[in-house]
Each structure stands twice: as C-alpha cells, then as structure tokens.
Amino acid sequence: MNIFRLIIALIFLGIGLLVGVLNTQPITLKLLFADIQTSSGVAIILSLLAGVVIGGLIVLATLVWPLYTKLRKANKQATASSAPQLGTGV
C-alpha cells in the first residue's frame, strides 16, 4: 500500500512539474497591497495548492472536529458506565 501511495505521489509531482515547465509566460499577480511577478505555471500550482489547503480546512472544521468531539463524549460515557462502583460491596 505504501508503494502505491508513493507511485501516486510521484505521478502528481510529475504532472505538477510538467505544468510548471509548459507554462512559463510571465504574469503579474495584483494583490491588495502588492504586485508579484511570477510565471503562469507557478501561479497555477500555488492556486491549486491554496484550494486544497482551504478545502481541507473546511472539511476539518465541518466534519472531523465535530465527529471527534462526539467520539470523545461517547468514550467518556462508556468509561463512566463500565467503571466499577465503590461502596456497593456486600
């Protein structure tokens, strides 16, 4: 399974390098307070990376954290209900 992930990662790395090499036209990114000179390939790769990071953060905030808190609460309840009660011995 790790070999499969490595192969997939290398394929995507190759695609990214290909996009960067084939798109060398200079462009200017005009941001709010700055102008950045870069090639179009770099701009494409950075925008894709920003989209992945933002999408991952959205999934993390809307799915993972709420499910993690539910899991912690369920584990606390399971631990509390299965703990031996003291003082009930005969």
PDB file of N, CA and C in Angstrom:
ATOM      1  N   MET A   1       0.828  -1.198   0.000  1.00  0.00           N
ATOM      2  CA  MET A   1       0.000   0.000   0.000  1.00  0.00           C
ATOM      3  C   MET A   1       0.865   1.252   0.000  1.00  0.00           C
ATOM      4  N   ASN A   2       1.992   1.233   0.710  1.00  0.00           N
ATOM      5  CA  ASN A   2       2.862   2.404   0.731  1.00  0.00           C
ATOM      6  C   ASN A   2       3.508   2.640  -0.631  1.00  0.00           C
ATOM      7  N   ILE A   3       3.804   1.559  -1.361  1.00  0.00           N
ATOM      8  CA  ILE A   3       4.370   1.693  -2.700  1.00  0.00           C
ATOM      9  C   ILE A   3       3.347   2.355  -3.627  1.00  0.00           C
ATOM     10  N   PHE A   4       2.085   1.965  -3.473  1.00  0.00           N
ATOM     11  CA  PHE A   4       1.019   2.553  -4.288  1.00  0.00           C
ATOM     12  C   PHE A   4       0.908   4.053  -4.026  1.00  0.00           C
ATOM     13  N   ARG A   5       0.958   4.448  -2.755  1.00  0.00           N
ATOM     14  CA  ARG A   5       0.888   5.879  -2.425  1.00  0.00           C
ATOM     15  C   ARG A   5       2.087   6.629  -2.973  1.00  0.00           C
ATOM     16  N   LEU A   6       3.249   6.020  -2.910  1.00  0.00           N
ATOM     17  CA  LEU A   6       4.456   6.650  -3.435  1.00  0.00           C
ATOM     18  C   LEU A   6       4.349   6.848  -4.945  1.00  0.00           C
ATOM     19  N   ILE A   7       3.843   5.844  -5.642  1.00  0.00           N
ATOM     20  CA  ILE A   7       3.682   5.959  -7.095  1.00  0.00           C
ATOM     21  C   ILE A   7       2.693   7.059  -7.443  1.00  0.00           C
ATOM     22  N   ILE A   8       1.568   7.120  -6.727  1.00  0.00           N
ATOM     23  CA  ILE A   8       0.571   8.170  -6.976  1.00  0.00           C
ATOM     24  C   ILE A   8       1.174   9.554  -6.694  1.00  0.00           C
ATOM     25  N   ALA A   9       1.925   9.687  -5.602  1.00  0.00           N
ATOM     26  CA  ALA A   9       2.548  10.970  -5.274  1.00  0.00           C
ATOM     27  C   ALA A   9       3.548  11.376  -6.350  1.00  0.00           C
ATOM     28  N   LEU A  10       4.324  10.427  -6.854  1.00  0.00           N
ATOM     29  CA  LEU A  10       5.293  10.743  -7.906  1.00  0.00           C
ATOM     30  C   LEU A  10       4.596  11.130  -9.214  1.00  0.00           C
ATOM     31  N   ILE A  11       3.474  10.496  -9.512  1.00  0.00           N
ATOM     32  CA  ILE A  11       2.711  10.863 -10.710  1.00  0.00           C
ATOM     33  C   ILE A  11       2.221  12.302 -10.607  1.00  0.00           C
ATOM     34  N   PHE A  12       1.651  12.659  -9.441  1.00  0.00           N
ATOM     35  CA  PHE A  12       1.161  14.030  -9.277  1.00  0.00           C
ATOM     36  C   PHE A  12       2.308  15.037  -9.258  1.00  0.00           C
ATOM     37  N   LEU A  13       3.439  14.658  -8.711  1.00  0.00           N
ATOM     38  CA  LEU A  13       4.610  15.534  -8.731  1.00  0.00           C
ATOM     39  C   LEU A  13       5.064  15.767 -10.167  1.00  0.00           C
ATOM     40  N   GLY A  14       5.065  14.707 -10.970  1.00  0.00           N
ATOM     41  CA  GLY A  14       5.436  14.843 -12.381  1.00  0.00           C
ATOM     42  C   GLY A  14       4.470  15.726 -13.142  1.00  0.00           C
ATOM     43  N   ILE A  15       3.178  15.580 -12.872  1.00  0.00           N
ATOM     44  CA  ILE A  15       2.180  16.432 -13.526  1.00  0.00           C
ATOM     45  C   ILE A  15       2.393  17.893 -13.135  1.00  0.00           C
ATOM     46  N   GLY A  16       2.676  18.135 -11.855  1.00  0.00           N
ATOM     47  CA  GLY A  16       2.928  19.500 -11.405  1.00  0.00           C
ATOM     48  C   GLY A  16       4.159  20.097 -12.054  1.00  0.00           C
ATOM     49  N   LEU A  17       5.212  19.295 -12.168  1.00  0.00           N
ATOM     50  CA  LEU A  17       6.421  19.781 -12.841  1.00  0.00           C
ATOM     51  C   LEU A  17       6.156  20.060 -14.320  1.00  0.00           C
ATOM     52  N   LEU A  18       5.365  19.222 -14.943  1.00  0.00           N
ATOM     53  CA  LEU A  18       5.022  19.416 -16.353  1.00  0.00           C
ATOM     54  C   LEU A  18       4.229  20.711 -16.552  1.00  0.00           C
ATOM     55  N   VAL A  19       3.281  20.971 -15.666  1.00  0.00           N
ATOM     56  CA  VAL A  19       2.502  22.218 -15.747  1.00  0.00           C
ATOM     57  C   VAL A  19       3.426  23.423 -15.561  1.00  0.00           C
ATOM     58  N   GLY A  20       4.345  23.327 -14.609  1.00  0.00           N
ATOM     59  CA  GLY A  20       5.268  24.436 -14.373  1.00  0.00           C
ATOM     60  C   GLY A  20       6.205  24.690 -15.530  1.00  0.00           C
ATOM     61  N   VAL A  21       6.658  23.632 -16.184  1.00  0.00           N
ATOM     62  CA  VAL A  21       7.595  23.783 -17.295  1.00  0.00           C
ATOM     63  C   VAL A  21       6.902  24.306 -18.552  1.00  0.00           C
ATOM     64  N   LEU A  22       5.680  23.845 -18.795  1.00  0.00           N
ATOM     65  CA  LEU A  22       4.993  24.235 -20.018  1.00  0.00           C
ATOM     66  C   LEU A  22       4.365  25.631 -19.953  1.00  0.00           C
ATOM     67  N   ASN A  23       4.190  26.175 -18.774  1.00  0.00           N
ATOM     68  CA  ASN A  23       3.562  27.492 -18.617  1.00  0.00           C
ATOM     69  C   ASN A  23       4.581  28.470 -18.040  1.00  0.00           C
ATOM     70  N   THR A  24       5.416  29.020 -18.903  1.00  0.00           N
ATOM     71  CA  THR A  24       6.483  29.913 -18.445  1.00  0.00           C
ATOM     72  C   THR A  24       6.213  31.378 -18.758  1.00  0.00           C
ATOM     73  N   GLN A  25       5.017  31.706 -19.237  1.00  0.00           N
ATOM     74  CA  GLN A  25       4.716  33.091 -19.558  1.00  0.00           C
ATOM     75  C   GLN A  25       4.723  33.923 -18.267  1.00  0.00           C
ATOM     76  N   PRO A  26       5.396  35.051 -18.282  1.00  0.00           N
ATOM     77  CA  PRO A  26       5.405  35.887 -17.080  1.00  0.00           C
ATOM     78  C   PRO A  26       4.058  36.587 -16.883  1.00  0.00           C
ATOM     79  N   ILE A  27       3.605  36.611 -15.650  1.00  0.00           N
ATOM     80  CA  ILE A  27       2.364  37.312 -15.315  1.00  0.00           C
ATOM     81  C   ILE A  27       2.602  38.139 -14.063  1.00  0.00           C
ATOM     82  N   THR A  28       1.701  39.073 -13.825  1.00  0.00           N
ATOM     83  CA  THR A  28       1.750  39.890 -12.621  1.00  0.00           C
ATOM     84  C   THR A  28       0.486  39.628 -11.817  1.00  0.00           C
ATOM     85  N   LEU A  29       0.665  39.162 -10.598  1.00  0.00           N
ATOM     86  CA  LEU A  29      -0.465  38.986  -9.690  1.00  0.00           C
ATOM     87  C   LEU A  29      -0.646  40.276  -8.914  1.00  0.00           C
ATOM     88  N   LYS A  30      -1.795  40.905  -9.073  1.00  0.00           N
ATOM     89  CA  LYS A  30      -2.065  42.147  -8.364  1.00  0.00           C
ATOM     90  C   LYS A  30      -2.890  41.819  -7.131  1.00  0.00           C
ATOM     91  N   LEU A  31      -2.242  41.891  -5.996  1.00  0.00           N
ATOM     92  CA  LEU A  31      -2.906  41.659  -4.722  1.00  0.00           C
ATOM     93  C   LEU A  31      -3.322  42.993  -4.131  1.00  0.00           C
ATOM     94  N   LEU A  32      -3.873  42.941  -2.935  1.00  0.00           N
ATOM     95  CA  LEU A  32      -4.401  44.164  -2.334  1.00  0.00           C
ATOM     96  C   LEU A  32      -3.328  45.238  -2.162  1.00  0.00           C
ATOM     97  N   PHE A  33      -2.165  44.844  -1.630  1.00  0.00           N
ATOM     98  CA  PHE A  33      -1.122  45.833  -1.346  1.00  0.00           C
ATOM     99  C   PHE A  33       0.172  45.580  -2.104  1.00  0.00           C
ATOM    100  N   ALA A  34       0.207  44.572  -2.965  1.00  0.00           N
ATOM    101  CA  ALA A  34       1.466  44.241  -3.628  1.00  0.00           C
ATOM    102  C   ALA A  34       1.203  43.691  -5.020  1.00  0.00           C
ATOM    103  N   ASP A  35       2.203  43.817  -5.857  1.00  0.00           N
ATOM    104  CA  ASP A  35       2.211  43.195  -7.176  1.00  0.00           C
ATOM    105  C   ASP A  35       3.334  42.170  -7.192  1.00  0.00           C
ATOM    106  N   ILE A  36       3.024  40.945  -7.616  1.00  0.00           N
ATOM    107  CA  ILE A  36       4.009  39.875  -7.612  1.00  0.00           C
ATOM    108  C   ILE A  36       4.232  39.414  -9.045  1.00  0.00           C
ATOM    109  N   GLN A  37       5.493  39.420  -9.491  1.00  0.00           N
ATOM    110  CA  GLN A  37       5.860  38.929 -10.810  1.00  0.00           C
ATOM    111  C   GLN A  37       6.188  37.441 -10.688  1.00  0.00           C
ATOM    112  N   THR A  38       5.538  36.615 -11.499  1.00  0.00           N
ATOM    113  CA  THR A  38       5.788  35.177 -11.478  1.00  0.00           C
ATOM    114  C   THR A  38       5.410  34.584 -12.827  1.00  0.00           C
ATOM    115  N   SER A  39       5.668  33.304 -12.997  1.00  0.00           N
ATOM    116  CA  SER A  39       5.244  32.637 -14.232  1.00  0.00           C
ATOM    117  C   SER A  39       3.840  32.079 -14.023  1.00  0.00           C
ATOM    118  N   SER A  40       3.167  31.812 -15.119  1.00  0.00           N
ATOM    119  CA  SER A  40       1.792  31.320 -15.008  1.00  0.00           C
ATOM    120  C   SER A  40       1.757  29.913 -14.416  1.00  0.00           C
ATOM    121  N   GLY A  41       2.789  29.104 -14.656  1.00  0.00           N
ATOM    122  CA  GLY A  41       2.847  27.764 -14.075  1.00  0.00           C
ATOM    123  C   GLY A  41       2.895  27.795 -12.561  1.00  0.00           C
ATOM    124  N   VAL A  42       3.712  28.680 -12.022  1.00  0.00           N
ATOM    125  CA  VAL A  42       3.809  28.824 -10.560  1.00  0.00           C
ATOM    126  C   VAL A  42       2.484  29.317  -9.997  1.00  0.00           C
ATOM    127  N   ALA A  43       1.847  30.251 -10.686  1.00  0.00           N
ATOM    128  CA  ALA A  43       0.561  30.772 -10.218  1.00  0.00           C
ATOM    129  C   ALA A  43      -0.500  29.673 -10.217  1.00  0.00           C
ATOM    130  N   ILE A  44      -0.500  28.819 -11.234  1.00  0.00           N
ATOM    131  CA  ILE A  44      -1.469  27.723 -11.305  1.00  0.00           C
ATOM    132  C   ILE A  44      -1.246  26.745 -10.159  1.00  0.00           C
ATOM    133  N   ILE A  45      -0.001  26.333  -9.957  1.00  0.00           N
ATOM    134  CA  ILE A  45       0.309  25.366  -8.897  1.00  0.00           C
ATOM    135  C   ILE A  45      -0.018  25.946  -7.526  1.00  0.00           C
ATOM    136  N   LEU A  46       0.316  27.209  -7.291  1.00  0.00           N
ATOM    137  CA  LEU A  46       0.018  27.821  -5.984  1.00  0.00           C
ATOM    138  C   LEU A  46      -1.480  27.970  -5.750  1.00  0.00           C
ATOM    139  N   SER A  47      -2.226  28.285  -6.805  1.00  0.00           N
ATOM    140  CA  SER A  47      -3.675  28.404  -6.624  1.00  0.00           C
ATOM    141  C   SER A  47      -4.306  27.035  -6.365  1.00  0.00           C
ATOM    142  N   LEU A  48      -3.815  25.987  -7.021  1.00  0.00           N
ATOM    143  CA  LEU A  48      -4.304  24.636  -6.742  1.00  0.00           C
ATOM    144  C   LEU A  48      -3.966  24.221  -5.311  1.00  0.00           C
ATOM    145  N   LEU A  49      -2.765  24.522  -4.881  1.00  0.00           N
ATOM    146  CA  LEU A  49      -2.353  24.198  -3.515  1.00  0.00           C
ATOM    147  C   LEU A  49      -3.193  24.949  -2.487  1.00  0.00           C
ATOM    148  N   ALA A  50      -3.460  26.221  -2.754  1.00  0.00           N
ATOM    149  CA  ALA A  50      -4.307  27.005  -1.848  1.00  0.00           C
ATOM    150  C   ALA A  50      -5.717  26.420  -1.791  1.00  0.00           C
ATOM    151  N   GLY A  51      -6.240  25.969  -2.917  1.00  0.00           N
ATOM    152  CA  GLY A  51      -7.560  25.352  -2.941  1.00  0.00           C
ATOM    153  C   GLY A  51      -7.610  24.065  -2.138  1.00  0.00           C
ATOM    154  N   VAL A  52      -6.561  23.261  -2.239  1.00  0.00           N
ATOM    155  CA  VAL A  52      -6.503  22.019  -1.469  1.00  0.00           C
ATOM    156  C   VAL A  52      -6.435  22.313   0.020  1.00  0.00           C
ATOM    157  N   VAL A  53      -5.618  23.272   0.407  1.00  0.00           N
ATOM    158  CA  VAL A  53      -5.481  23.616   1.826  1.00  0.00           C
ATOM    159  C   VAL A  53      -6.787  24.178   2.377  1.00  0.00           C
ATOM    160  N   ILE A  54      -7.416  25.086   1.651  1.00  0.00           N
ATOM    161  CA  ILE A  54      -8.678  25.669   2.106  1.00  0.00           C
ATOM    162  C   ILE A  54      -9.772  24.605   2.169  1.00  0.00           C
ATOM    163  N   GLY A  55      -9.840  23.746   1.165  1.00  0.00           N
ATOM    164  CA  GLY A  55     -10.818  22.656   1.189  1.00  0.00           C
ATOM    165  C   GLY A  55     -10.587  21.703   2.348  1.00  0.00           C
ATOM    166  N   GLY A  56      -9.330  21.385   2.622  1.00  0.00           N
ATOM    167  CA  GLY A  56      -9.010  20.523   3.753  1.00  0.00           C
ATOM    168  C   GLY A  56      -9.399  21.150   5.080  1.00  0.00           C
ATOM    169  N   LEU A  57      -9.175  22.438   5.222  1.00  0.00           N
ATOM    170  CA  LEU A  57      -9.564  23.129   6.457  1.00  0.00           C
ATOM    171  C   LEU A  57     -11.080  23.156   6.625  1.00  0.00           C
ATOM    172  N   ILE A  58     -11.806  23.308   5.530  1.00  0.00           N
ATOM    173  CA  ILE A  58     -13.270  23.289   5.605  1.00  0.00           C
ATOM    174  C   ILE A  58     -13.763  21.920   6.038  1.00  0.00           C
ATOM    175  N   VAL A  59     -13.203  20.858   5.463  1.00  0.00           N
ATOM    176  CA  VAL A  59     -13.584  19.501   5.862  1.00  0.00           C
ATOM    177  C   VAL A  59     -13.225  19.256   7.316  1.00  0.00           C
ATOM    178  N   LEU A  60     -12.060  19.718   7.722  1.00  0.00           N
ATOM    179  CA  LEU A  60     -11.627  19.554   9.106  1.00  0.00           C
ATOM    180  C   LEU A  60     -12.584  20.252  10.066  1.00  0.00           C
ATOM    181  N   ALA A  61     -12.979  21.461   9.729  1.00  0.00           N
ATOM    182  CA  ALA A  61     -13.832  22.237  10.628  1.00  0.00           C
ATOM    183  C   ALA A  61     -15.275  21.747  10.643  1.00  0.00           C
ATOM    184  N   THR A  62     -15.769  21.246   9.524  1.00  0.00           N
ATOM    185  CA  THR A  62     -17.186  20.872   9.466  1.00  0.00           C
ATOM    186  C   THR A  62     -17.446  19.398   9.729  1.00  0.00           C
ATOM    187  N   LEU A  63     -16.461  18.531   9.522  1.00  0.00           N
ATOM    188  CA  LEU A  63     -16.683  17.099   9.713  1.00  0.00           C
ATOM    189  C   LEU A  63     -15.822  16.496  10.811  1.00  0.00           C
ATOM    190  N   VAL A  64     -14.535  16.698  10.735  1.00  0.00           N
ATOM    191  CA  VAL A  64     -13.613  15.979  11.612  1.00  0.00           C
ATOM    192  C   VAL A  64     -13.738  16.443  13.056  1.00  0.00           C
ATOM    193  N   TRP A  65     -13.679  17.730  13.301  1.00  0.00           N
ATOM    194  CA  TRP A  65     -13.752  18.204  14.692  1.00  0.00           C
ATOM    195  C   TRP A  65     -15.072  17.856  15.371  1.00  0.00           C
ATOM    196  N   PRO A  66     -16.238  18.051  14.721  1.00  0.00           N
ATOM    197  CA  PRO A  66     -17.486  17.635  15.382  1.00  0.00           C
ATOM    198  C   PRO A  66     -17.543  16.128  15.656  1.00  0.00           C
ATOM    199  N   LEU A  67     -17.080  15.318  14.704  1.00  0.00           N
ATOM    200  CA  LEU A  67     -17.085  13.869  14.931  1.00  0.00           C
ATOM    201  C   LEU A  67     -16.113  13.478  16.043  1.00  0.00           C
ATOM    202  N   TYR A  68     -14.991  14.163  16.122  1.00  0.00           N
ATOM    203  CA  TYR A  68     -14.020  13.888  17.180  1.00  0.00           C
ATOM    204  C   TYR A  68     -14.596  14.224  18.556  1.00  0.00           C
ATOM    205  N   THR A  69     -15.325  15.330  18.660  1.00  0.00           N
ATOM    206  CA  THR A  69     -15.923  15.667  19.955  1.00  0.00           C
ATOM    207  C   THR A  69     -17.013  14.674  20.330  1.00  0.00           C
ATOM    208  N   LYS A  70     -17.802  14.199  19.365  1.00  0.00           N
ATOM    209  CA  LYS A  70     -18.807  13.169  19.652  1.00  0.00           C
ATOM    210  C   LYS A  70     -18.141  11.876  20.114  1.00  0.00           C
ATOM    211  N   LEU A  71     -17.035  11.526  19.482  1.00  0.00           N
ATOM    212  CA  LEU A  71     -16.316  10.316  19.861  1.00  0.00           C
ATOM    213  C   LEU A  71     -15.748  10.433  21.268  1.00  0.00           C
ATOM    214  N   ARG A  72     -15.204  11.580  21.608  1.00  0.00           N
ATOM    215  CA  ARG A  72     -14.676  11.776  22.972  1.00  0.00           C
ATOM    216  C   ARG A  72     -15.787  11.669  23.999  1.00  0.00           C
ATOM    217  N   LYS A  73     -16.946  12.270  23.733  1.00  0.00           N
ATOM    218  CA  LYS A  73     -18.074  12.190  24.662  1.00  0.00           C
ATOM    219  C   LYS A  73     -18.551  10.747  24.807  1.00  0.00           C
ATOM    220  N   ALA A  74     -18.630  10.017  23.706  1.00  0.00           N
ATOM    221  CA  ALA A  74     -19.069   8.616  23.763  1.00  0.00           C
ATOM    222  C   ALA A  74     -18.066   7.770  24.539  1.00  0.00           C
ATOM    223  N   ASN A  75     -16.781   8.027  24.362  1.00  0.00           N
ATOM    224  CA  ASN A  75     -15.766   7.286  25.117  1.00  0.00           C
ATOM    225  C   ASN A  75     -15.841   7.595  26.604  1.00  0.00           C
ATOM    226  N   LYS A  76     -16.093   8.847  26.962  1.00  0.00           N
ATOM    227  CA  LYS A  76     -16.229   9.205  28.378  1.00  0.00           C
ATOM    228  C   LYS A  76     -17.445   8.521  28.991  1.00  0.00           C
ATOM    229  N   GLN A  77     -18.552   8.486  28.256  1.00  0.00           N
ATOM    230  CA  GLN A  77     -19.752   7.829  28.768  1.00  0.00           C
ATOM    231  C   GLN A  77     -19.539   6.328  28.898  1.00  0.00           C
ATOM    232  N   ALA A  78     -18.854   5.721  27.949  1.00  0.00           N
ATOM    233  CA  ALA A  78     -18.598   4.288  28.007  1.00  0.00           C
ATOM    234  C   ALA A  78     -17.668   3.957  29.165  1.00  0.00           C
ATOM    235  N   THR A  79     -16.687   4.811  29.402  1.00  0.00           N
ATOM    236  CA  THR A  79     -15.758   4.591  30.506  1.00  0.00           C
ATOM    237  C   THR A  79     -16.475   4.767  31.839  1.00  0.00           C
ATOM    238  N   ALA A  80     -17.329   5.772  31.927  1.00  0.00           N
ATOM    239  CA  ALA A  80     -18.044   6.028  33.182  1.00  0.00           C
ATOM    240  C   ALA A  80     -19.050   4.917  33.485  1.00  0.00           C
ATOM    241  N   SER A  81     -19.692   4.370  32.495  1.00  0.00           N
ATOM    242  CA  SER A  81     -20.701   3.332  32.735  1.00  0.00           C
ATOM    243  C   SER A  81     -20.072   1.974  33.031  1.00  0.00           C
ATOM    244  N   SER A  82     -18.858   1.733  32.556  1.00  0.00           N
ATOM    245  CA  SER A  82     -18.224   0.444  32.795  1.00  0.00           C
ATOM    246  C   SER A  82     -17.278   0.457  33.990  1.00  0.00           C
ATOM    247  N   ALA A  83     -17.073   1.607  34.610  1.00  0.00           N
ATOM    248  CA  ALA A  83     -16.184   1.696  35.777  1.00  0.00           C
ATOM    249  C   ALA A  83     -16.835   1.012  36.955  1.00  0.00           C
ATOM    250  N   PRO A  84     -16.042   0.269  37.759  1.00  0.00           N
ATOM    251  CA  PRO A  84     -16.636  -0.375  38.949  1.00  0.00           C
ATOM    252  C   PRO A  84     -17.037   0.679  39.982  1.00  0.00           C
ATOM    253  N   GLN A  85     -18.190   0.412  40.599  1.00  0.00           N
ATOM    254  CA  GLN A  85     -18.702   1.365  41.591  1.00  0.00           C
ATOM    255  C   GLN A  85     -18.195   0.943  42.952  1.00  0.00           C
ATOM    256  N   LEU A  86     -17.644   1.878  43.675  1.00  0.00           N
ATOM    257  CA  LEU A  86     -17.099   1.616  45.007  1.00  0.00           C
ATOM    258  C   LEU A  86     -18.194   1.766  46.060  1.00  0.00           C
ATOM    259  N   GLY A  87     -18.085   0.977  47.123  1.00  0.00           N
ATOM    260  CA  GLY A  87     -19.015   1.111  48.238  1.00  0.00           C
ATOM    261  C   GLY A  87     -20.262   0.295  48.104  1.00  0.00           C
ATOM    262  N   THR A  88     -20.380  -0.512  47.083  1.00  0.00           N
ATOM    263  CA  THR A  88     -21.572  -1.340  46.921  1.00  0.00           C
ATOM    264  C   THR A  88     -21.335  -2.800  47.286  1.00  0.00           C
ATOM    265  N   GLY A  89     -20.152  -3.103  47.810  1.00  0.00           N
ATOM    266  CA  GLY A  89     -19.811  -4.488  48.147  1.00  0.00           C
ATOM    267  C   GLY A  89     -20.598  -4.977  49.350  1.00  0.00           C
ATOM    268  N   VAL A  90     -20.873  -6.256  49.411  1.00  0.00           N
ATOM    269  CA  VAL A  90     -21.674  -6.836  50.484  1.00  0.00           C
ATOM    270  C   VAL A  90     -20.813  -7.540  51.490  1.00  0.00           C
TER     271      VAL A  90
END
